[in-house]
Amino acid sequence: MANQTDSDVNELLARIAKLEALLAQRPHADTSRADIWFLLDRSGSMGAIAEYVVQSFDEFVAEQRNEAGEALMTLVQFDGEDPQDVLIDAQPLAGIGSIAGRFAPRGMTPLYDAIGMLLDRAEAHVNQAGADPADQLVVIMTDGHENASRRWTAAAIFERIAALRAAGWTFVFLGANQDSYATGASMGVVEGNTSNFTASPESVLAAGRGLTRAVSGWRAKPRASRIADADDFWDGVKEAEAAADPTANEDRAADPRLP
């Protein structure tokens, strides 16, 4: 009987060792899956910085390919002619090429409609994913005020984003030519996840570097930490604002009342 027991224990230990070996092949299993939804303003005012928007996005994707873990990327551009032009549809990072030649600013800014339609797409994707979907990150980048939506309002978007944040989603807002903190707050995006940028090459490229750093940090965290830190996406550092005003982050650190 003792020999049989020893045999059973040895078999159990062998099975545990095999499972550990399998898990070791998937490092950071709880951080390995993420869906990144990028909503990009394609309205006419973006024309002056179009070259740098393309460069910034391409560099962002290239850097994210080097991070551990699985991630699917969706890129939707929007304007008054088409509030939901899908350039990249839930694709693995490894298969995403440059968006050069596909980002041509035009038209007006139906921001609310674009957000509402993107969230429809994202929720449909999550509902197809099964019981344990990937963590959801939504990034919104615009250089202008809402001026063309027909279906969605700020109040309705606020309710939608609030509900998804309560479900564990993370929302990020990058805005130029406006008070991004007021705009973001009106839609339910918290201060710690909002950043201004200016319509200049330096600020656009800095925004891309900051986004790369923050998304890499977010993806490296376990799910519990992503949720716990959901209202401080930038981790107190906003590169796009620093590019416009080198003292911006220092002022914010010194006075927490500042946005």
C-alpha atoms as a PDB file:
ATOM      1  CA  MET A   1       0.000   0.000   0.000  1.00  0.00           C
ATOM      2  CA  ALA A   2       2.835   2.372   0.853  1.00  0.00           C
ATOM      3  CA  ASN A   3       4.473   1.738  -2.522  1.00  0.00           C
ATOM      4  CA  GLN A   4       1.191   2.423  -4.296  1.00  0.00           C
ATOM      5  CA  THR A   5       0.839   5.700  -2.369  1.00  0.00           C
ATOM      6  CA  ASP A   6       4.380   6.720  -3.256  1.00  0.00           C
ATOM      7  CA  SER A   7       3.637   5.955  -6.877  1.00  0.00           C
ATOM      8  CA  ASP A   8       0.508   8.104  -6.801  1.00  0.00           C
ATOM      9  CA  VAL A   9       2.415  10.987  -5.219  1.00  0.00           C
ATOM     10  CA  ASN A  10       5.178  10.720  -7.786  1.00  0.00           C
ATOM     11  CA  GLU A  11       2.626  10.706 -10.588  1.00  0.00           C
ATOM     12  CA  LEU A  12       0.924  13.791  -9.137  1.00  0.00           C
ATOM     13  CA  LEU A  13       4.244  15.595  -8.799  1.00  0.00           C
ATOM     14  CA  ALA A  14       5.082  14.744 -12.406  1.00  0.00           C
ATOM     15  CA  ARG A  15       1.746  16.159 -13.565  1.00  0.00           C
ATOM     16  CA  ILE A  16       2.333  19.350 -11.555  1.00  0.00           C
ATOM     17  CA  ALA A  17       5.806  19.713 -13.070  1.00  0.00           C
ATOM     18  CA  LYS A  18       4.327  19.319 -16.545  1.00  0.00           C
ATOM     19  CA  LEU A  19       1.706  21.982 -15.877  1.00  0.00           C
ATOM     20  CA  GLU A  20       4.346  24.342 -14.500  1.00  0.00           C
ATOM     21  CA  ALA A  21       6.430  23.816 -17.618  1.00  0.00           C
ATOM     22  CA  LEU A  22       3.439  24.648 -19.815  1.00  0.00           C
ATOM     23  CA  LEU A  23       2.717  27.791 -17.822  1.00  0.00           C
ATOM     24  CA  ALA A  24       6.361  28.825 -18.043  1.00  0.00           C
ATOM     25  CA  GLN A  25       5.978  28.858 -21.826  1.00  0.00           C
ATOM     26  CA  ARG A  26       3.252  31.530 -21.419  1.00  0.00           C
ATOM     27  CA  PRO A  27       4.850  34.203 -19.207  1.00  0.00           C
ATOM     28  CA  HIS A  28       2.532  36.674 -17.536  1.00  0.00           C
ATOM     29  CA  ALA A  29      -0.535  34.710 -18.573  1.00  0.00           C
ATOM     30  CA  ASP A  30      -2.847  37.156 -16.835  1.00  0.00           C
ATOM     31  CA  THR A  31      -1.376  40.090 -18.779  1.00  0.00           C
ATOM     32  CA  SER A  32      -1.174  38.418 -22.183  1.00  0.00           C
ATOM     33  CA  ARG A  33      -4.471  39.462 -23.753  1.00  0.00           C
ATOM     34  CA  ALA A  34      -5.578  42.967 -24.610  1.00  0.00           C
ATOM     35  CA  ASP A  35      -7.808  44.645 -27.181  1.00  0.00           C
ATOM     36  CA  ILE A  36      -6.686  48.152 -28.172  1.00  0.00           C
ATOM     37  CA  TRP A  37      -9.296  50.375 -29.835  1.00  0.00           C
ATOM     38  CA  PHE A  38      -7.835  53.509 -31.424  1.00  0.00           C
ATOM     39  CA  LEU A  39     -10.236  56.222 -32.614  1.00  0.00           C
ATOM     40  CA  LEU A  40      -8.437  58.785 -34.789  1.00  0.00           C
ATOM     41  CA  ASP A  41      -9.843  62.130 -35.912  1.00  0.00           C
ATOM     42  CA  ARG A  42      -9.552  62.444 -39.702  1.00  0.00           C
ATOM     43  CA  SER A  43     -11.265  65.851 -39.938  1.00  0.00           C
ATOM     44  CA  GLY A  44      -9.830  68.612 -42.129  1.00  0.00           C
ATOM     45  CA  SER A  45      -8.007  70.412 -39.349  1.00  0.00           C
ATOM     46  CA  MET A  46      -5.740  67.391 -38.893  1.00  0.00           C
ATOM     47  CA  GLY A  47      -4.237  68.063 -42.320  1.00  0.00           C
ATOM     48  CA  ALA A  48      -1.455  70.277 -40.977  1.00  0.00           C
ATOM     49  CA  ILE A  49      -0.112  67.452 -38.817  1.00  0.00           C
ATOM     50  CA  ALA A  50      -1.122  64.434 -40.925  1.00  0.00           C
ATOM     51  CA  GLU A  51       2.461  63.381 -41.675  1.00  0.00           C
ATOM     52  CA  TYR A  52       3.332  63.320 -37.984  1.00  0.00           C
ATOM     53  CA  VAL A  53       0.127  61.544 -36.980  1.00  0.00           C
ATOM     54  CA  VAL A  54       1.028  58.739 -39.395  1.00  0.00           C
ATOM     55  CA  GLN A  55       4.618  58.591 -38.133  1.00  0.00           C
ATOM     56  CA  SER A  56       3.469  58.601 -34.516  1.00  0.00           C
ATOM     57  CA  PHE A  57       0.942  55.806 -35.022  1.00  0.00           C
ATOM     58  CA  ASP A  58       3.349  53.657 -37.032  1.00  0.00           C
ATOM     59  CA  GLU A  59       6.021  54.015 -34.350  1.00  0.00           C
ATOM     60  CA  PHE A  60       3.487  53.175 -31.653  1.00  0.00           C
ATOM     61  CA  VAL A  61       2.518  49.923 -33.382  1.00  0.00           C
ATOM     62  CA  ALA A  62       6.154  49.018 -34.044  1.00  0.00           C
ATOM     63  CA  GLU A  63       7.020  49.429 -30.364  1.00  0.00           C
ATOM     64  CA  GLN A  64       3.970  47.482 -29.201  1.00  0.00           C
ATOM     65  CA  ARG A  65       5.046  44.508 -31.320  1.00  0.00           C
ATOM     66  CA  ASN A  66       8.070  44.177 -29.029  1.00  0.00           C
ATOM     67  CA  GLU A  67       5.996  43.893 -25.855  1.00  0.00           C
ATOM     68  CA  ALA A  68       5.161  40.571 -24.240  1.00  0.00           C
ATOM     69  CA  GLY A  69       1.616  39.297 -24.441  1.00  0.00           C
ATOM     70  CA  GLU A  70      -1.102  39.090 -27.049  1.00  0.00           C
ATOM     71  CA  ALA A  71      -2.927  42.159 -28.295  1.00  0.00           C
ATOM     72  CA  LEU A  72      -5.414  42.875 -31.046  1.00  0.00           C
ATOM     73  CA  MET A  73      -5.523  46.360 -32.560  1.00  0.00           C
ATOM     74  CA  THR A  74      -8.450  48.152 -34.154  1.00  0.00           C
ATOM     75  CA  LEU A  75      -7.938  51.557 -35.794  1.00  0.00           C
ATOM     76  CA  VAL A  76     -10.961  53.600 -36.834  1.00  0.00           C
ATOM     77  CA  GLN A  77     -10.664  57.045 -38.402  1.00  0.00           C
ATOM     78  CA  PHE A  78     -13.621  59.415 -38.561  1.00  0.00           C
ATOM     79  CA  ASP A  79     -14.851  62.592 -40.216  1.00  0.00           C
ATOM     80  CA  GLY A  80     -18.128  64.145 -41.338  1.00  0.00           C
ATOM     81  CA  GLU A  81     -18.269  61.997 -44.483  1.00  0.00           C
ATOM     82  CA  ASP A  82     -17.636  58.717 -42.666  1.00  0.00           C
ATOM     83  CA  PRO A  83     -17.768  58.494 -38.848  1.00  0.00           C
ATOM     84  CA  GLN A  84     -16.532  54.886 -38.877  1.00  0.00           C
ATOM     85  CA  ASP A  85     -13.835  54.163 -41.455  1.00  0.00           C
ATOM     86  CA  VAL A  86     -12.122  51.000 -40.232  1.00  0.00           C
ATOM     87  CA  LEU A  87      -8.465  50.800 -41.271  1.00  0.00           C
ATOM     88  CA  ILE A  88      -7.460  47.927 -38.961  1.00  0.00           C
ATOM     89  CA  ASP A  89     -10.048  45.486 -37.645  1.00  0.00           C
ATOM     90  CA  ALA A  90      -9.034  43.479 -34.555  1.00  0.00           C
ATOM     91  CA  GLN A  91      -5.707  42.445 -36.068  1.00  0.00           C
ATOM     92  CA  PRO A  92      -2.672  41.022 -34.243  1.00  0.00           C
ATOM     93  CA  LEU A  93       0.078  43.615 -33.950  1.00  0.00           C
ATOM     94  CA  ALA A  94       2.494  41.509 -35.984  1.00  0.00           C
ATOM     95  CA  GLY A  95       0.347  41.826 -39.096  1.00  0.00           C
ATOM     96  CA  ILE A  96      -0.225  45.603 -39.035  1.00  0.00           C
ATOM     97  CA  GLY A  97       1.567  47.736 -41.607  1.00  0.00           C
ATOM     98  CA  SER A  98       1.930  51.484 -42.040  1.00  0.00           C
ATOM     99  CA  ILE A  99      -1.122  53.688 -42.399  1.00  0.00           C
ATOM    100  CA  ALA A 100       0.767  55.999 -44.773  1.00  0.00           C
ATOM    101  CA  GLY A 101      -1.452  56.857 -47.720  1.00  0.00           C
ATOM    102  CA  ARG A 102      -4.612  55.895 -45.839  1.00  0.00           C
ATOM    103  CA  PHE A 103      -4.906  58.902 -43.521  1.00  0.00           C
ATOM    104  CA  ALA A 104      -6.158  61.867 -45.564  1.00  0.00           C
ATOM    105  CA  PRO A 105      -7.885  64.521 -43.422  1.00  0.00           C
ATOM    106  CA  ARG A 106     -11.173  66.008 -44.639  1.00  0.00           C
ATOM    107  CA  GLY A 107     -14.558  67.171 -43.431  1.00  0.00           C
ATOM    108  CA  MET A 108     -15.947  67.863 -39.972  1.00  0.00           C
ATOM    109  CA  THR A 109     -15.805  66.252 -36.499  1.00  0.00           C
ATOM    110  CA  PRO A 110     -18.698  63.918 -35.514  1.00  0.00           C
ATOM    111  CA  LEU A 111     -16.880  62.917 -32.330  1.00  0.00           C
ATOM    112  CA  TYR A 112     -19.852  61.572 -30.369  1.00  0.00           C
ATOM    113  CA  ASP A 113     -21.164  59.468 -33.258  1.00  0.00           C
ATOM    114  CA  ALA A 114     -17.671  58.089 -33.877  1.00  0.00           C
ATOM    115  CA  ILE A 115     -17.269  57.082 -30.236  1.00  0.00           C
ATOM    116  CA  GLY A 116     -20.728  55.531 -30.040  1.00  0.00           C
ATOM    117  CA  MET A 117     -20.183  53.478 -33.182  1.00  0.00           C
ATOM    118  CA  LEU A 118     -16.715  52.374 -32.070  1.00  0.00           C
ATOM    119  CA  LEU A 119     -18.119  51.184 -28.746  1.00  0.00           C
ATOM    120  CA  ASP A 120     -20.852  49.265 -30.593  1.00  0.00           C
ATOM    121  CA  ARG A 121     -18.101  47.502 -32.529  1.00  0.00           C
ATOM    122  CA  ALA A 122     -16.000  46.875 -29.423  1.00  0.00           C
ATOM    123  CA  GLU A 123     -18.859  45.447 -27.377  1.00  0.00           C
ATOM    124  CA  ALA A 124     -19.901  43.163 -30.229  1.00  0.00           C
ATOM    125  CA  HIS A 125     -16.323  41.898 -30.391  1.00  0.00           C
ATOM    126  CA  VAL A 126     -16.221  41.281 -26.635  1.00  0.00           C
ATOM    127  CA  ASN A 127     -19.553  39.458 -26.696  1.00  0.00           C
ATOM    128  CA  GLN A 128     -18.155  37.065 -29.295  1.00  0.00           C
ATOM    129  CA  ALA A 129     -15.022  36.436 -27.260  1.00  0.00           C
ATOM    130  CA  GLY A 130     -16.671  34.229 -24.646  1.00  0.00           C
ATOM    131  CA  ALA A 131     -16.552  34.123 -20.881  1.00  0.00           C
ATOM    132  CA  ASP A 132     -13.076  35.611 -20.402  1.00  0.00           C
ATOM    133  CA  PRO A 133     -12.526  38.438 -22.895  1.00  0.00           C
ATOM    134  CA  ALA A 134      -9.313  40.382 -23.156  1.00  0.00           C
ATOM    135  CA  ASP A 135      -8.910  43.631 -21.231  1.00  0.00           C
ATOM    136  CA  GLN A 136     -10.207  46.616 -23.190  1.00  0.00           C
ATOM    137  CA  LEU A 137      -8.335  49.865 -23.856  1.00  0.00           C
ATOM    138  CA  VAL A 138      -9.979  52.681 -25.831  1.00  0.00           C
ATOM    139  CA  VAL A 139      -7.807  55.581 -27.072  1.00  0.00           C
ATOM    140  CA  ILE A 140      -9.427  58.684 -28.585  1.00  0.00           C
ATOM    141  CA  MET A 141      -7.323  61.284 -30.419  1.00  0.00           C
ATOM    142  CA  THR A 142      -8.837  64.468 -31.850  1.00  0.00           C
ATOM    143  CA  ASP A 143      -7.769  68.020 -32.594  1.00  0.00           C
ATOM    144  CA  GLY A 144     -11.194  69.634 -32.688  1.00  0.00           C
ATOM    145  CA  HIS A 145     -14.547  70.112 -31.050  1.00  0.00           C
ATOM    146  CA  GLU A 146     -17.586  67.983 -31.770  1.00  0.00           C
ATOM    147  CA  ASN A 147     -19.551  69.648 -34.586  1.00  0.00           C
ATOM    148  CA  ALA A 148     -21.306  67.052 -36.732  1.00  0.00           C
ATOM    149  CA  SER A 149     -22.866  64.206 -34.716  1.00  0.00           C
ATOM    150  CA  ARG A 150     -26.455  63.226 -35.473  1.00  0.00           C
ATOM    151  CA  ARG A 151     -27.090  60.163 -33.310  1.00  0.00           C
ATOM    152  CA  TRP A 152     -25.126  60.579 -30.090  1.00  0.00           C
ATOM    153  CA  THR A 153     -24.866  63.350 -27.488  1.00  0.00           C
ATOM    154  CA  ALA A 154     -22.265  64.101 -24.824  1.00  0.00           C
ATOM    155  CA  ALA A 155     -24.674  62.932 -22.112  1.00  0.00           C
ATOM    156  CA  ALA A 156     -25.322  59.613 -23.852  1.00  0.00           C
ATOM    157  CA  ILE A 157     -21.604  59.028 -24.428  1.00  0.00           C
ATOM    158  CA  PHE A 158     -20.943  59.874 -20.777  1.00  0.00           C
ATOM    159  CA  GLU A 159     -23.393  57.182 -19.641  1.00  0.00           C
ATOM    160  CA  ARG A 160     -21.953  54.664 -22.083  1.00  0.00           C
ATOM    161  CA  ILE A 161     -18.359  55.243 -21.022  1.00  0.00           C
ATOM    162  CA  ALA A 162     -19.280  55.276 -17.315  1.00  0.00           C
ATOM    163  CA  ALA A 163     -20.922  51.866 -17.650  1.00  0.00           C
ATOM    164  CA  LEU A 164     -17.953  50.386 -19.498  1.00  0.00           C
ATOM    165  CA  ARG A 165     -15.477  51.846 -17.024  1.00  0.00           C
ATOM    166  CA  ALA A 166     -17.463  50.186 -14.251  1.00  0.00           C
ATOM    167  CA  ALA A 167     -17.033  46.928 -16.181  1.00  0.00           C
ATOM    168  CA  GLY A 168     -13.237  47.368 -16.164  1.00  0.00           C
ATOM    169  CA  TRP A 169     -12.580  49.131 -19.469  1.00  0.00           C
ATOM    170  CA  THR A 170      -9.909  51.850 -19.674  1.00  0.00           C
ATOM    171  CA  PHE A 171     -10.506  55.054 -21.653  1.00  0.00           C
ATOM    172  CA  VAL A 172      -7.845  57.561 -22.771  1.00  0.00           C
ATOM    173  CA  PHE A 173      -8.444  60.968 -24.364  1.00  0.00           C
ATOM    174  CA  LEU A 174      -5.878  63.033 -26.296  1.00  0.00           C
ATOM    175  CA  GLY A 175      -7.148  66.423 -27.453  1.00  0.00           C
ATOM    176  CA  ALA A 176      -5.792  69.537 -29.146  1.00  0.00           C
ATOM    177  CA  ASN A 177      -7.239  73.008 -29.821  1.00  0.00           C
ATOM    178  CA  GLN A 178      -9.591  72.694 -26.851  1.00  0.00           C
ATOM    179  CA  ASP A 179      -9.706  72.224 -23.106  1.00  0.00           C
ATOM    180  CA  SER A 180      -9.186  68.466 -23.269  1.00  0.00           C
ATOM    181  CA  TYR A 181      -9.887  68.037 -19.580  1.00  0.00           C
ATOM    182  CA  ALA A 182     -13.320  69.653 -19.867  1.00  0.00           C
ATOM    183  CA  THR A 183     -14.104  67.744 -23.062  1.00  0.00           C
ATOM    184  CA  GLY A 184     -12.930  64.447 -21.632  1.00  0.00           C
ATOM    185  CA  ALA A 185     -14.852  64.961 -18.396  1.00  0.00           C
ATOM    186  CA  SER A 186     -18.038  65.734 -20.338  1.00  0.00           C
ATOM    187  CA  MET A 187     -17.733  62.284 -21.919  1.00  0.00           C
ATOM    188  CA  GLY A 188     -16.763  60.411 -18.766  1.00  0.00           C
ATOM    189  CA  VAL A 189     -12.977  60.227 -19.238  1.00  0.00           C
ATOM    190  CA  VAL A 190     -11.130  60.951 -16.001  1.00  0.00           C
ATOM    191  CA  GLU A 191      -8.392  63.572 -15.590  1.00  0.00           C
ATOM    192  CA  GLY A 192      -5.639  61.016 -15.036  1.00  0.00           C
ATOM    193  CA  ASN A 193      -6.376  59.486 -18.458  1.00  0.00           C
ATOM    194  CA  THR A 194      -6.605  62.790 -20.352  1.00  0.00           C
ATOM    195  CA  SER A 195      -3.839  64.781 -22.019  1.00  0.00           C
ATOM    196  CA  ASN A 196      -3.613  67.886 -24.145  1.00  0.00           C
ATOM    197  CA  PHE A 197      -1.405  68.013 -27.202  1.00  0.00           C
ATOM    198  CA  THR A 198      -0.751  70.857 -29.587  1.00  0.00           C
ATOM    199  CA  ALA A 199      -1.119  70.743 -33.357  1.00  0.00           C
ATOM    200  CA  SER A 200       2.653  70.745 -33.864  1.00  0.00           C
ATOM    201  CA  PRO A 201       5.072  68.049 -35.030  1.00  0.00           C
ATOM    202  CA  GLU A 202       6.888  68.005 -31.682  1.00  0.00           C
ATOM    203  CA  SER A 203       3.726  67.572 -29.626  1.00  0.00           C
ATOM    204  CA  VAL A 204       2.192  64.942 -31.910  1.00  0.00           C
ATOM    205  CA  LEU A 205       5.356  62.835 -31.841  1.00  0.00           C
ATOM    206  CA  ALA A 206       5.636  63.321 -28.079  1.00  0.00           C
ATOM    207  CA  ALA A 207       2.029  62.188 -27.724  1.00  0.00           C
ATOM    208  CA  GLY A 208       2.939  59.015 -29.592  1.00  0.00           C
ATOM    209  CA  ARG A 209       5.945  58.375 -27.354  1.00  0.00           C
ATOM    210  CA  GLY A 210       3.857  58.946 -24.261  1.00  0.00           C
ATOM    211  CA  LEU A 211       1.137  56.635 -25.520  1.00  0.00           C
ATOM    212  CA  THR A 212       3.715  53.960 -26.281  1.00  0.00           C
ATOM    213  CA  ARG A 213       5.143  54.198 -22.768  1.00  0.00           C
ATOM    214  CA  ALA A 214       1.748  54.180 -21.062  1.00  0.00           C
ATOM    215  CA  VAL A 215       0.266  51.362 -23.144  1.00  0.00           C
ATOM    216  CA  SER A 216       3.391  49.256 -22.594  1.00  0.00           C
ATOM    217  CA  GLY A 217       3.066  49.839 -18.865  1.00  0.00           C
ATOM    218  CA  TRP A 218      -0.633  48.983 -18.954  1.00  0.00           C
ATOM    219  CA  ARG A 219      -0.039  45.776 -20.889  1.00  0.00           C
ATOM    220  CA  ALA A 220       2.709  44.698 -18.471  1.00  0.00           C
ATOM    221  CA  LYS A 221       0.350  44.813 -15.500  1.00  0.00           C
ATOM    222  CA  PRO A 222      -1.777  41.921 -14.265  1.00  0.00           C
ATOM    223  CA  ARG A 223      -5.502  42.393 -14.719  1.00  0.00           C
ATOM    224  CA  ALA A 224      -6.087  43.414 -11.104  1.00  0.00           C
ATOM    225  CA  SER A 225      -3.516  46.198 -11.380  1.00  0.00           C
ATOM    226  CA  ARG A 226      -4.934  47.416 -14.673  1.00  0.00           C
ATOM    227  CA  ILE A 227      -8.296  47.814 -12.976  1.00  0.00           C
ATOM    228  CA  ALA A 228      -6.825  49.369  -9.829  1.00  0.00           C
ATOM    229  CA  ASP A 229      -4.837  51.913 -11.881  1.00  0.00           C
ATOM    230  CA  ALA A 230      -7.592  52.555 -14.414  1.00  0.00           C
ATOM    231  CA  ASP A 231      -7.873  56.255 -13.496  1.00  0.00           C
ATOM    232  CA  ASP A 232      -4.134  57.012 -13.756  1.00  0.00           C
ATOM    233  CA  PHE A 233      -3.246  55.726 -17.187  1.00  0.00           C
ATOM    234  CA  TRP A 234      -0.459  58.259 -17.794  1.00  0.00           C
ATOM    235  CA  ASP A 235       1.125  57.587 -14.394  1.00  0.00           C
ATOM    236  CA  GLY A 236       1.462  61.315 -13.795  1.00  0.00           C
ATOM    237  CA  VAL A 237       3.636  61.989 -16.871  1.00  0.00           C
ATOM    238  CA  LYS A 238       2.189  63.515 -20.039  1.00  0.00           C
ATOM    239  CA  GLU A 239       4.840  63.815 -22.704  1.00  0.00           C
ATOM    240  CA  ALA A 240       2.693  65.745 -25.179  1.00  0.00           C
ATOM    241  CA  GLU A 241       2.047  68.494 -22.652  1.00  0.00           C
ATOM    242  CA  ALA A 242       5.701  68.611 -21.663  1.00  0.00           C
ATOM    243  CA  ALA A 243       6.658  69.082 -25.320  1.00  0.00           C
ATOM    244  CA  ALA A 244       4.500  72.203 -25.421  1.00  0.00           C
ATOM    245  CA  ASP A 245       5.449  73.383 -21.920  1.00  0.00           C
ATOM    246  CA  PRO A 246       8.473  71.735 -20.242  1.00  0.00           C
ATOM    247  CA  THR A 247       7.204  72.808 -16.801  1.00  0.00           C
ATOM    248  CA  ALA A 248       3.745  71.258 -17.217  1.00  0.00           C
ATOM    249  CA  ASN A 249       4.436  67.972 -15.443  1.00  0.00           C
ATOM    250  CA  GLU A 250       6.461  69.720 -12.732  1.00  0.00           C
ATOM    251  CA  ASP A 251       3.602  72.132 -12.057  1.00  0.00           C
ATOM    252  CA  ARG A 252       1.111  69.291 -11.904  1.00  0.00           C
ATOM    253  CA  ALA A 253       3.224  67.316  -9.465  1.00  0.00           C
ATOM    254  CA  ALA A 254       3.619  70.368  -7.239  1.00  0.00           C
ATOM    255  CA  ASP A 255      -0.077  71.252  -7.230  1.00  0.00           C
ATOM    256  CA  PRO A 256      -2.529  68.316  -7.489  1.00  0.00           C
ATOM    257  CA  ARG A 257      -5.369  70.746  -8.212  1.00  0.00           C
ATOM    258  CA  LEU A 258      -3.927  71.359 -11.671  1.00  0.00           C
ATOM    259  CA  PRO A 259      -5.192  69.169 -14.512  1.00  0.00           C
END
